[in-house]
Amino acid sequence: MFAIVEIAGTQVKVEPKQKVYVPKLNSEAGSTIKFDKVLLTENENEVKIGTPYINGSYVEAKVIGHLKDEKVLVFKKKRRKGYKVKRGHRQQYSEIEITKIV
């Protein structure tokens, strides 16, 4: 059994008891979240496709914690002009565990 869900603007294929990293959610660690934007579900060779979402279907998940990705350095330079800029960026993620697909 699996489902394709839209979480924070990204489409993610999820299965029960799977841990997934998604863009940071505004929920506390340990809380339960319900995602109702389900695009597709598959259960024992029975496939349901939404237009665009499946009515009455949802995915329940538990927030495990929040973390940051590795730093990405952005360096800009224009030759012979004395212009140099060095910036870094760390993307924030939430780790969730899928508890059930309904």
PDB file of N, CA and C in Angstrom:
ATOM      1  N   MET A   1       0.840  -1.175   0.000  1.00  0.00           N
ATOM      2  CA  MET A   1       0.000   0.000   0.000  1.00  0.00           C
ATOM      3  C   MET A   1       0.889   1.244   0.000  1.00  0.00           C
ATOM      4  N   PHE A   2       0.605   2.173  -0.889  1.00  0.00           N
ATOM      5  CA  PHE A   2       1.322   3.429  -0.912  1.00  0.00           C
ATOM      6  C   PHE A   2       0.393   4.531  -1.389  1.00  0.00           C
ATOM      7  N   ALA A   3       0.838   5.772  -1.205  1.00  0.00           N
ATOM      8  CA  ALA A   3       0.073   6.933  -1.647  1.00  0.00           C
ATOM      9  C   ALA A   3       1.051   8.001  -2.109  1.00  0.00           C
ATOM     10  N   ILE A   4       0.573   8.857  -3.002  1.00  0.00           N
ATOM     11  CA  ILE A   4       1.332  10.024  -3.414  1.00  0.00           C
ATOM     12  C   ILE A   4       0.601  11.235  -2.847  1.00  0.00           C
ATOM     13  N   VAL A   5       1.323  12.002  -2.006  1.00  0.00           N
ATOM     14  CA  VAL A   5       0.723  13.096  -1.251  1.00  0.00           C
ATOM     15  C   VAL A   5       1.449  14.390  -1.567  1.00  0.00           C
ATOM     16  N   GLU A   6       0.713  15.487  -1.568  1.00  0.00           N
ATOM     17  CA  GLU A   6       1.314  16.798  -1.728  1.00  0.00           C
ATOM     18  C   GLU A   6       1.551  17.395  -0.344  1.00  0.00           C
ATOM     19  N   ILE A   7       2.837  17.574   0.003  1.00  0.00           N
ATOM     20  CA  ILE A   7       3.219  18.111   1.304  1.00  0.00           C
ATOM     21  C   ILE A   7       4.079  19.343   1.074  1.00  0.00           C
ATOM     22  N   ALA A   8       3.596  20.493   1.511  1.00  0.00           N
ATOM     23  CA  ALA A   8       4.335  21.765   1.411  1.00  0.00           C
ATOM     24  C   ALA A   8       4.792  22.041  -0.019  1.00  0.00           C
ATOM     25  N   GLY A   9       3.938  21.764  -1.001  1.00  0.00           N
ATOM     26  CA  GLY A   9       4.261  22.061  -2.391  1.00  0.00           C
ATOM     27  C   GLY A   9       5.064  21.001  -3.113  1.00  0.00           C
ATOM     28  N   THR A  10       5.440  19.913  -2.434  1.00  0.00           N
ATOM     29  CA  THR A  10       6.189  18.840  -3.078  1.00  0.00           C
ATOM     30  C   THR A  10       5.363  17.561  -3.057  1.00  0.00           C
ATOM     31  N   GLN A  11       5.499  16.752  -4.090  1.00  0.00           N
ATOM     32  CA  GLN A  11       4.798  15.478  -4.159  1.00  0.00           C
ATOM     33  C   GLN A  11       5.719  14.376  -3.646  1.00  0.00           C
ATOM     34  N   VAL A  12       5.209  13.587  -2.687  1.00  0.00           N
ATOM     35  CA  VAL A  12       6.014  12.575  -2.022  1.00  0.00           C
ATOM     36  C   VAL A  12       5.285  11.244  -2.069  1.00  0.00           C
ATOM     37  N   LYS A  13       5.999  10.173  -2.435  1.00  0.00           N
ATOM     38  CA  LYS A  13       5.442   8.826  -2.393  1.00  0.00           C
ATOM     39  C   LYS A  13       5.694   8.272  -0.998  1.00  0.00           C
ATOM     40  N   VAL A  14       4.630   7.878  -0.287  1.00  0.00           N
ATOM     41  CA  VAL A  14       4.767   7.430   1.097  1.00  0.00           C
ATOM     42  C   VAL A  14       4.122   6.065   1.295  1.00  0.00           C
ATOM     43  N   GLU A  15       4.659   5.348   2.273  1.00  0.00           N
ATOM     44  CA  GLU A  15       4.129   4.063   2.701  1.00  0.00           C
ATOM     45  C   GLU A  15       4.017   4.082   4.222  1.00  0.00           C
ATOM     46  N   PRO A  16       3.169   3.250   4.815  1.00  0.00           N
ATOM     47  CA  PRO A  16       3.073   3.223   6.282  1.00  0.00           C
ATOM     48  C   PRO A  16       4.419   2.849   6.919  1.00  0.00           C
ATOM     49  N   LYS A  17       4.715   3.457   8.063  1.00  0.00           N
ATOM     50  CA  LYS A  17       5.942   3.255   8.851  1.00  0.00           C
ATOM     51  C   LYS A  17       7.200   3.702   8.118  1.00  0.00           C
ATOM     52  N   GLN A  18       7.062   4.619   7.176  1.00  0.00           N
ATOM     53  CA  GLN A  18       8.198   5.149   6.436  1.00  0.00           C
ATOM     54  C   GLN A  18       8.566   6.523   7.013  1.00  0.00           C
ATOM     55  N   LYS A  19       9.863   6.807   7.103  1.00  0.00           N
ATOM     56  CA  LYS A  19      10.329   8.110   7.553  1.00  0.00           C
ATOM     57  C   LYS A  19      10.683   8.942   6.327  1.00  0.00           C
ATOM     58  N   VAL A  20      10.192  10.196   6.301  1.00  0.00           N
ATOM     59  CA  VAL A  20      10.357  11.059   5.147  1.00  0.00           C
ATOM     60  C   VAL A  20      10.841  12.430   5.617  1.00  0.00           C
ATOM     61  N   TYR A  21      11.737  13.045   4.833  1.00  0.00           N
ATOM     62  CA  TYR A  21      12.169  14.414   5.088  1.00  0.00           C
ATOM     63  C   TYR A  21      11.406  15.333   4.146  1.00  0.00           C
ATOM     64  N   VAL A  22      10.701  16.320   4.703  1.00  0.00           N
ATOM     65  CA  VAL A  22       9.906  17.268   3.923  1.00  0.00           C
ATOM     66  C   VAL A  22      10.325  18.684   4.308  1.00  0.00           C
ATOM     67  N   PRO A  23      10.020  19.695   3.482  1.00  0.00           N
ATOM     68  CA  PRO A  23      10.322  21.073   3.891  1.00  0.00           C
ATOM     69  C   PRO A  23       9.681  21.383   5.245  1.00  0.00           C
ATOM     70  N   LYS A  24      10.300  22.267   6.007  1.00  0.00           N
ATOM     71  CA  LYS A  24       9.922  22.497   7.403  1.00  0.00           C
ATOM     72  C   LYS A  24       8.435  22.816   7.556  1.00  0.00           C
ATOM     73  N   LEU A  25       7.813  22.126   8.509  1.00  0.00           N
ATOM     74  CA  LEU A  25       6.402  22.300   8.834  1.00  0.00           C
ATOM     75  C   LEU A  25       6.272  23.106  10.122  1.00  0.00           C
ATOM     76  N   ASN A  26       5.159  23.800  10.281  1.00  0.00           N
ATOM     77  CA  ASN A  26       4.931  24.611  11.475  1.00  0.00           C
ATOM     78  C   ASN A  26       4.264  23.793  12.572  1.00  0.00           C
ATOM     79  N   SER A  27       4.817  22.651  12.893  1.00  0.00           N
ATOM     80  CA  SER A  27       4.283  21.779  13.934  1.00  0.00           C
ATOM     81  C   SER A  27       5.397  21.419  14.892  1.00  0.00           C
ATOM     82  N   GLU A  28       5.023  21.165  16.126  1.00  0.00           N
ATOM     83  CA  GLU A  28       6.016  20.797  17.134  1.00  0.00           C
ATOM     84  C   GLU A  28       6.372  19.317  17.008  1.00  0.00           C
ATOM     85  N   ALA A  29       7.567  18.980  17.480  1.00  0.00           N
ATOM     86  CA  ALA A  29       8.000  17.589  17.462  1.00  0.00           C
ATOM     87  C   ALA A  29       7.102  16.759  18.371  1.00  0.00           C
ATOM     88  N   GLY A  30       6.689  15.600  17.902  1.00  0.00           N
ATOM     89  CA  GLY A  30       5.810  14.724  18.657  1.00  0.00           C
ATOM     90  C   GLY A  30       4.345  14.884  18.322  1.00  0.00           C
ATOM     91  N   SER A  31       3.980  15.918  17.574  1.00  0.00           N
ATOM     92  CA  SER A  31       2.576  16.125  17.221  1.00  0.00           C
ATOM     93  C   SER A  31       2.186  15.288  15.995  1.00  0.00           C
ATOM     94  N   THR A  32       0.890  15.136  15.804  1.00  0.00           N
ATOM     95  CA  THR A  32       0.351  14.367  14.683  1.00  0.00           C
ATOM     96  C   THR A  32      -0.236  15.325  13.658  1.00  0.00           C
ATOM     97  N   ILE A  33       0.040  15.053  12.380  1.00  0.00           N
ATOM     98  CA  ILE A  33      -0.444  15.899  11.287  1.00  0.00           C
ATOM     99  C   ILE A  33      -1.256  15.060  10.317  1.00  0.00           C
ATOM    100  N   LYS A  34      -2.249  15.694   9.713  1.00  0.00           N
ATOM    101  CA  LYS A  34      -3.103  15.040   8.729  1.00  0.00           C
ATOM    102  C   LYS A  34      -2.902  15.750   7.389  1.00  0.00           C
ATOM    103  N   PHE A  35      -2.511  15.019   6.351  1.00  0.00           N
ATOM    104  CA  PHE A  35      -2.359  15.564   5.005  1.00  0.00           C
ATOM    105  C   PHE A  35      -3.528  15.065   4.163  1.00  0.00           C
ATOM    106  N   ASP A  36      -4.369  16.008   3.687  1.00  0.00           N
ATOM    107  CA  ASP A  36      -5.558  15.603   2.932  1.00  0.00           C
ATOM    108  C   ASP A  36      -5.417  15.805   1.426  1.00  0.00           C
ATOM    109  N   LYS A  37      -4.276  16.270   0.957  1.00  0.00           N
ATOM    110  CA  LYS A  37      -4.050  16.449  -0.476  1.00  0.00           C
ATOM    111  C   LYS A  37      -3.421  15.176  -1.047  1.00  0.00           C
ATOM    112  N   VAL A  38      -4.231  14.122  -1.149  1.00  0.00           N
ATOM    113  CA  VAL A  38      -3.770  12.831  -1.657  1.00  0.00           C
ATOM    114  C   VAL A  38      -4.074  12.775  -3.150  1.00  0.00           C
ATOM    115  N   LEU A  39      -3.043  12.542  -3.951  1.00  0.00           N
ATOM    116  CA  LEU A  39      -3.188  12.519  -5.402  1.00  0.00           C
ATOM    117  C   LEU A  39      -3.481  11.123  -5.937  1.00  0.00           C
ATOM    118  N   LEU A  40      -2.906  10.085  -5.302  1.00  0.00           N
ATOM    119  CA  LEU A  40      -3.059   8.719  -5.785  1.00  0.00           C
ATOM    120  C   LEU A  40      -2.882   7.761  -4.620  1.00  0.00           C
ATOM    121  N   THR A  41      -3.677   6.691  -4.616  1.00  0.00           N
ATOM    122  CA  THR A  41      -3.495   5.624  -3.631  1.00  0.00           C
ATOM    123  C   THR A  41      -3.501   4.283  -4.346  1.00  0.00           C
ATOM    124  N   GLU A  42      -2.736   3.329  -3.798  1.00  0.00           N
ATOM    125  CA  GLU A  42      -2.693   1.971  -4.332  1.00  0.00           C
ATOM    126  C   GLU A  42      -2.821   1.019  -3.158  1.00  0.00           C
ATOM    127  N   ASN A  43      -3.828   0.136  -3.240  1.00  0.00           N
ATOM    128  CA  ASN A  43      -4.065  -0.824  -2.177  1.00  0.00           C
ATOM    129  C   ASN A  43      -4.427  -2.161  -2.800  1.00  0.00           C
ATOM    130  N   GLU A  44      -3.500  -3.132  -2.727  1.00  0.00           N
ATOM    131  CA  GLU A  44      -3.742  -4.481  -3.256  1.00  0.00           C
ATOM    132  C   GLU A  44      -4.215  -4.451  -4.712  1.00  0.00           C
ATOM    133  N   ASN A  45      -3.438  -3.790  -5.561  1.00  0.00           N
ATOM    134  CA  ASN A  45      -3.688  -3.672  -7.005  1.00  0.00           C
ATOM    135  C   ASN A  45      -4.945  -2.878  -7.343  1.00  0.00           C
ATOM    136  N   GLU A  46      -5.503  -2.149  -6.383  1.00  0.00           N
ATOM    137  CA  GLU A  46      -6.622  -1.244  -6.638  1.00  0.00           C
ATOM    138  C   GLU A  46      -6.074   0.170  -6.592  1.00  0.00           C
ATOM    139  N   VAL A  47      -6.080   0.868  -7.732  1.00  0.00           N
ATOM    140  CA  VAL A  47      -5.494   2.196  -7.839  1.00  0.00           C
ATOM    141  C   VAL A  47      -6.605   3.232  -7.932  1.00  0.00           C
ATOM    142  N   LYS A  48      -6.504   4.280  -7.100  1.00  0.00           N
ATOM    143  CA  LYS A  48      -7.446   5.403  -7.157  1.00  0.00           C
ATOM    144  C   LYS A  48      -6.656   6.648  -7.502  1.00  0.00           C
ATOM    145  N   ILE A  49      -7.142   7.364  -8.506  1.00  0.00           N
ATOM    146  CA  ILE A  49      -6.480   8.586  -8.956  1.00  0.00           C
ATOM    147  C   ILE A  49      -7.429   9.751  -8.734  1.00  0.00           C
ATOM    148  N   GLY A  50      -6.933  10.816  -8.125  1.00  0.00           N
ATOM    149  CA  GLY A  50      -7.752  11.991  -7.843  1.00  0.00           C
ATOM    150  C   GLY A  50      -7.754  12.974  -8.992  1.00  0.00           C
ATOM    151  N   THR A  51      -8.760  13.873  -8.979  1.00  0.00           N
ATOM    152  CA  THR A  51      -8.857  14.915  -9.996  1.00  0.00           C
ATOM    153  C   THR A  51      -9.045  16.270  -9.334  1.00  0.00           C
ATOM    154  N   PRO A  52      -8.112  16.973  -8.791  1.00  0.00           N
ATOM    155  CA  PRO A  52      -6.728  16.586  -8.599  1.00  0.00           C
ATOM    156  C   PRO A  52      -6.506  15.782  -7.320  1.00  0.00           C
ATOM    157  N   TYR A  53      -7.435  15.860  -6.329  1.00  0.00           N
ATOM    158  CA  TYR A  53      -7.252  15.145  -5.071  1.00  0.00           C
ATOM    159  C   TYR A  53      -8.367  14.130  -4.878  1.00  0.00           C
ATOM    160  N   ILE A  54      -8.112  13.119  -4.046  1.00  0.00           N
ATOM    161  CA  ILE A  54      -9.111  12.106  -3.739  1.00  0.00           C
ATOM    162  C   ILE A  54      -9.923  12.586  -2.540  1.00  0.00           C
ATOM    163  N   ASN A  55     -11.239  12.666  -2.701  1.00  0.00           N
ATOM    164  CA  ASN A  55     -12.111  13.126  -1.614  1.00  0.00           C
ATOM    165  C   ASN A  55     -12.186  12.084  -0.505  1.00  0.00           C
ATOM    166  N   GLY A  56     -12.064  12.531   0.752  1.00  0.00           N
ATOM    167  CA  GLY A  56     -12.192  11.641   1.901  1.00  0.00           C
ATOM    168  C   GLY A  56     -10.951  10.829   2.216  1.00  0.00           C
ATOM    169  N   SER A  57      -9.906  10.993   1.458  1.00  0.00           N
ATOM    170  CA  SER A  57      -8.673  10.247   1.703  1.00  0.00           C
ATOM    171  C   SER A  57      -7.653  11.165   2.358  1.00  0.00           C
ATOM    172  N   TYR A  58      -6.887  10.618   3.302  1.00  0.00           N
ATOM    173  CA  TYR A  58      -5.858  11.409   3.964  1.00  0.00           C
ATOM    174  C   TYR A  58      -4.738  10.508   4.461  1.00  0.00           C
ATOM    175  N   VAL A  59      -3.618  11.139   4.779  1.00  0.00           N
ATOM    176  CA  VAL A  59      -2.450  10.449   5.312  1.00  0.00           C
ATOM    177  C   VAL A  59      -2.133  11.075   6.663  1.00  0.00           C
ATOM    178  N   GLU A  60      -1.947  10.229   7.658  1.00  0.00           N
ATOM    179  CA  GLU A  60      -1.640  10.700   8.995  1.00  0.00           C
ATOM    180  C   GLU A  60      -0.164  10.448   9.274  1.00  0.00           C
ATOM    181  N   ALA A  61       0.508  11.447   9.861  1.00  0.00           N
ATOM    182  CA  ALA A  61       1.937  11.340  10.129  1.00  0.00           C
ATOM    183  C   ALA A  61       2.268  11.952  11.485  1.00  0.00           C
ATOM    184  N   LYS A  62       3.382  11.499  12.046  1.00  0.00           N
ATOM    185  CA  LYS A  62       3.875  12.014  13.318  1.00  0.00           C
ATOM    186  C   LYS A  62       5.182  12.758  13.056  1.00  0.00           C
ATOM    187  N   VAL A  63       5.295  13.975  13.601  1.00  0.00           N
ATOM    188  CA  VAL A  63       6.505  14.765  13.437  1.00  0.00           C
ATOM    189  C   VAL A  63       7.553  14.261  14.420  1.00  0.00           C
ATOM    190  N   ILE A  64       8.693  13.820  13.894  1.00  0.00           N
ATOM    191  CA  ILE A  64       9.770  13.311  14.744  1.00  0.00           C
ATOM    192  C   ILE A  64      10.666  14.461  15.208  1.00  0.00           C
ATOM    193  N   GLY A  65      10.995  15.368  14.314  1.00  0.00           N
ATOM    194  CA  GLY A  65      11.840  16.501  14.687  1.00  0.00           C
ATOM    195  C   GLY A  65      12.154  17.387  13.504  1.00  0.00           C
ATOM    196  N   HIS A  66      12.868  18.486  13.787  1.00  0.00           N
ATOM    197  CA  HIS A  66      13.271  19.431  12.758  1.00  0.00           C
ATOM    198  C   HIS A  66      14.799  19.452  12.694  1.00  0.00           C
ATOM    199  N   LEU A  67      15.341  19.599  11.488  1.00  0.00           N
ATOM    200  CA  LEU A  67      16.785  19.619  11.322  1.00  0.00           C
ATOM    201  C   LEU A  67      17.154  20.461  10.113  1.00  0.00           C
ATOM    202  N   LYS A  68      18.466  20.706   9.962  1.00  0.00           N
ATOM    203  CA  LYS A  68      18.970  21.498   8.851  1.00  0.00           C
ATOM    204  C   LYS A  68      19.855  20.637   7.961  1.00  0.00           C
ATOM    205  N   ASP A  69      19.863  20.957   6.683  1.00  0.00           N
ATOM    206  CA  ASP A  69      20.707  20.275   5.711  1.00  0.00           C
ATOM    207  C   ASP A  69      22.124  20.850   5.795  1.00  0.00           C
ATOM    208  N   GLU A  70      23.043  20.288   5.056  1.00  0.00           N
ATOM    209  CA  GLU A  70      24.407  20.804   5.028  1.00  0.00           C
ATOM    210  C   GLU A  70      24.429  22.187   4.376  1.00  0.00           C
ATOM    211  N   LYS A  71      25.449  22.967   4.743  1.00  0.00           N
ATOM    212  CA  LYS A  71      25.562  24.323   4.228  1.00  0.00           C
ATOM    213  C   LYS A  71      25.968  24.313   2.758  1.00  0.00           C
ATOM    214  N   VAL A  72      25.294  25.168   1.975  1.00  0.00           N
ATOM    215  CA  VAL A  72      25.624  25.366   0.570  1.00  0.00           C
ATOM    216  C   VAL A  72      26.219  26.761   0.459  1.00  0.00           C
ATOM    217  N   LEU A  73      27.437  26.865  -0.070  1.00  0.00           N
ATOM    218  CA  LEU A  73      28.088  28.158  -0.221  1.00  0.00           C
ATOM    219  C   LEU A  73      27.798  28.746  -1.591  1.00  0.00           C
ATOM    220  N   VAL A  74      27.477  30.048  -1.596  1.00  0.00           N
ATOM    221  CA  VAL A  74      27.231  30.776  -2.833  1.00  0.00           C
ATOM    222  C   VAL A  74      28.289  31.864  -2.912  1.00  0.00           C
ATOM    223  N   PHE A  75      29.145  31.805  -3.923  1.00  0.00           N
ATOM    224  CA  PHE A  75      30.238  32.768  -4.071  1.00  0.00           C
ATOM    225  C   PHE A  75      30.078  33.486  -5.394  1.00  0.00           C
ATOM    226  N   LYS A  76      30.039  34.831  -5.339  1.00  0.00           N
ATOM    227  CA  LYS A  76      29.926  35.645  -6.545  1.00  0.00           C
ATOM    228  C   LYS A  76      31.174  36.506  -6.672  1.00  0.00           C
ATOM    229  N   LYS A  77      31.643  36.672  -7.900  1.00  0.00           N
ATOM    230  CA  LYS A  77      32.835  37.482  -8.124  1.00  0.00           C
ATOM    231  C   LYS A  77      32.774  38.085  -9.518  1.00  0.00           C
ATOM    232  N   LYS A  78      33.203  39.341  -9.607  1.00  0.00           N
ATOM    233  CA  LYS A  78      33.360  39.979 -10.909  1.00  0.00           C
ATOM    234  C   LYS A  78      34.834  40.335 -11.061  1.00  0.00           C
ATOM    235  N   ARG A  79      35.444  39.815 -12.065  1.00  0.00           N
ATOM    236  CA  ARG A  79      36.886  39.986 -12.220  1.00  0.00           C
ATOM    237  C   ARG A  79      37.251  41.444 -12.471  1.00  0.00           C
ATOM    238  N   ARG A  80      38.380  41.816 -11.921  1.00  0.00           N
ATOM    239  CA  ARG A  80      38.974  43.149 -12.061  1.00  0.00           C
ATOM    240  C   ARG A  80      38.112  44.268 -11.493  1.00  0.00           C
ATOM    241  N   LYS A  81      37.081  43.973 -10.730  1.00  0.00           N
ATOM    242  CA  LYS A  81      36.221  45.007 -10.168  1.00  0.00           C
ATOM    243  C   LYS A  81      36.309  45.075  -8.641  1.00  0.00           C
ATOM    244  N   GLY A  82      36.931  44.081  -8.036  1.00  0.00           N
ATOM    245  CA  GLY A  82      37.036  44.069  -6.580  1.00  0.00           C
ATOM    246  C   GLY A  82      35.733  43.653  -5.906  1.00  0.00           C
ATOM    247  N   TYR A  83      34.861  42.980  -6.649  1.00  0.00           N
ATOM    248  CA  TYR A  83      33.560  42.572  -6.115  1.00  0.00           C
ATOM    249  C   TYR A  83      33.592  41.088  -5.778  1.00  0.00           C
ATOM    250  N   LYS A  84      33.435  40.774  -4.493  1.00  0.00           N
ATOM    251  CA  LYS A  84      33.356  39.386  -4.039  1.00  0.00           C
ATOM    252  C   LYS A  84      32.303  39.302  -2.949  1.00  0.00           C
ATOM    253  N   VAL A  85      31.408  38.331  -3.064  1.00  0.00           N
ATOM    254  CA  VAL A  85      30.373  38.101  -2.058  1.00  0.00           C
ATOM    255  C   VAL A  85      30.327  36.609  -1.762  1.00  0.00           C
ATOM    256  N   LYS A  86      30.371  36.258  -0.493  1.00  0.00           N
ATOM    257  CA  LYS A  86      30.289  34.861  -0.090  1.00  0.00           C
ATOM    258  C   LYS A  86      29.126  34.723   0.883  1.00  0.00           C
ATOM    259  N   ARG A  87      28.166  33.889   0.523  1.00  0.00           N
ATOM    260  CA  ARG A  87      26.994  33.669   1.355  1.00  0.00           C
ATOM    261  C   ARG A  87      26.764  32.174   1.503  1.00  0.00           C
ATOM    262  N   GLY A  88      26.122  31.800   2.592  1.00  0.00           N
ATOM    263  CA  GLY A  88      25.796  30.402   2.825  1.00  0.00           C
ATOM    264  C   GLY A  88      24.311  30.232   3.045  1.00  0.00           C
ATOM    265  N   HIS A  89      23.844  29.011   2.835  1.00  0.00           N
ATOM    266  CA  HIS A  89      22.422  28.712   3.025  1.00  0.00           C
ATOM    267  C   HIS A  89      22.288  27.302   3.582  1.00  0.00           C
ATOM    268  N   ARG A  90      21.422  27.141   4.591  1.00  0.00           N
ATOM    269  CA  ARG A  90      21.114  25.814   5.136  1.00  0.00           C
ATOM    270  C   ARG A  90      19.605  25.621   5.078  1.00  0.00           C
ATOM    271  N   GLN A  91      19.161  24.672   4.265  1.00  0.00           N
ATOM    272  CA  GLN A  91      17.738  24.381   4.121  1.00  0.00           C
ATOM    273  C   GLN A  91      17.231  23.671   5.367  1.00  0.00           C
ATOM    274  N   GLN A  92      16.039  24.051   5.844  1.00  0.00           N
ATOM    275  CA  GLN A  92      15.452  23.432   7.024  1.00  0.00           C
ATOM    276  C   GLN A  92      14.435  22.371   6.598  1.00  0.00           C
ATOM    277  N   TYR A  93      14.473  21.235   7.292  1.00  0.00           N
ATOM    278  CA  TYR A  93      13.591  20.115   6.997  1.00  0.00           C
ATOM    279  C   TYR A  93      12.891  19.641   8.254  1.00  0.00           C
ATOM    280  N   SER A  94      11.788  18.925   8.051  1.00  0.00           N
ATOM    281  CA  SER A  94      11.105  18.230   9.138  1.00  0.00           C
ATOM    282  C   SER A  94      11.146  16.745   8.818  1.00  0.00           C
ATOM    283  N   GLU A  95      11.422  15.939   9.829  1.00  0.00           N
ATOM    284  CA  GLU A  95      11.401  14.495   9.653  1.00  0.00           C
ATOM    285  C   GLU A  95      10.065  13.997  10.172  1.00  0.00           C
ATOM    286  N   ILE A  96       9.319  13.292   9.319  1.00  0.00           N
ATOM    287  CA  ILE A  96       8.015  12.756   9.726  1.00  0.00           C
ATOM    288  C   ILE A  96       7.988  11.261   9.497  1.00  0.00           C
ATOM    289  N   GLU A  97       7.138  10.583  10.271  1.00  0.00           N
ATOM    290  CA  GLU A  97       6.923   9.148  10.107  1.00  0.00           C
ATOM    291  C   GLU A  97       5.464   8.935   9.770  1.00  0.00           C
ATOM    292  N   ILE A  98       5.203   8.257   8.665  1.00  0.00           N
ATOM    293  CA  ILE A  98       3.837   7.992   8.229  1.00  0.00           C
ATOM    294  C   ILE A  98       3.236   6.918   9.120  1.00  0.00           C
ATOM    295  N   THR A  99       2.098   7.216   9.757  1.00  0.00           N
ATOM    296  CA  THR A  99       1.473   6.243  10.641  1.00  0.00           C
ATOM    297  C   THR A  99       0.384   5.443   9.932  1.00  0.00           C
ATOM    298  N   LYS A 100      -0.469   6.132   9.155  1.00  0.00           N
ATOM    299  CA  LYS A 100      -1.493   5.371   8.413  1.00  0.00           C
ATOM    300  C   LYS A 100      -1.976   6.141   7.191  1.00  0.00           C
ATOM    301  N   ILE A 101      -2.486   5.389   6.236  1.00  0.00           N
ATOM    302  CA  ILE A 101      -3.068   5.916   5.010  1.00  0.00           C
ATOM    303  C   ILE A 101      -4.529   5.498   4.984  1.00  0.00           C
ATOM    304  N   VAL A 102      -5.420   6.475   4.898  1.00  0.00           N
ATOM    305  CA  VAL A 102      -6.863   6.174   4.925  1.00  0.00           C
ATOM    306  C   VAL A 102      -7.476   6.587   3.601  1.00  0.00           C
TER     307      VAL A 102
END
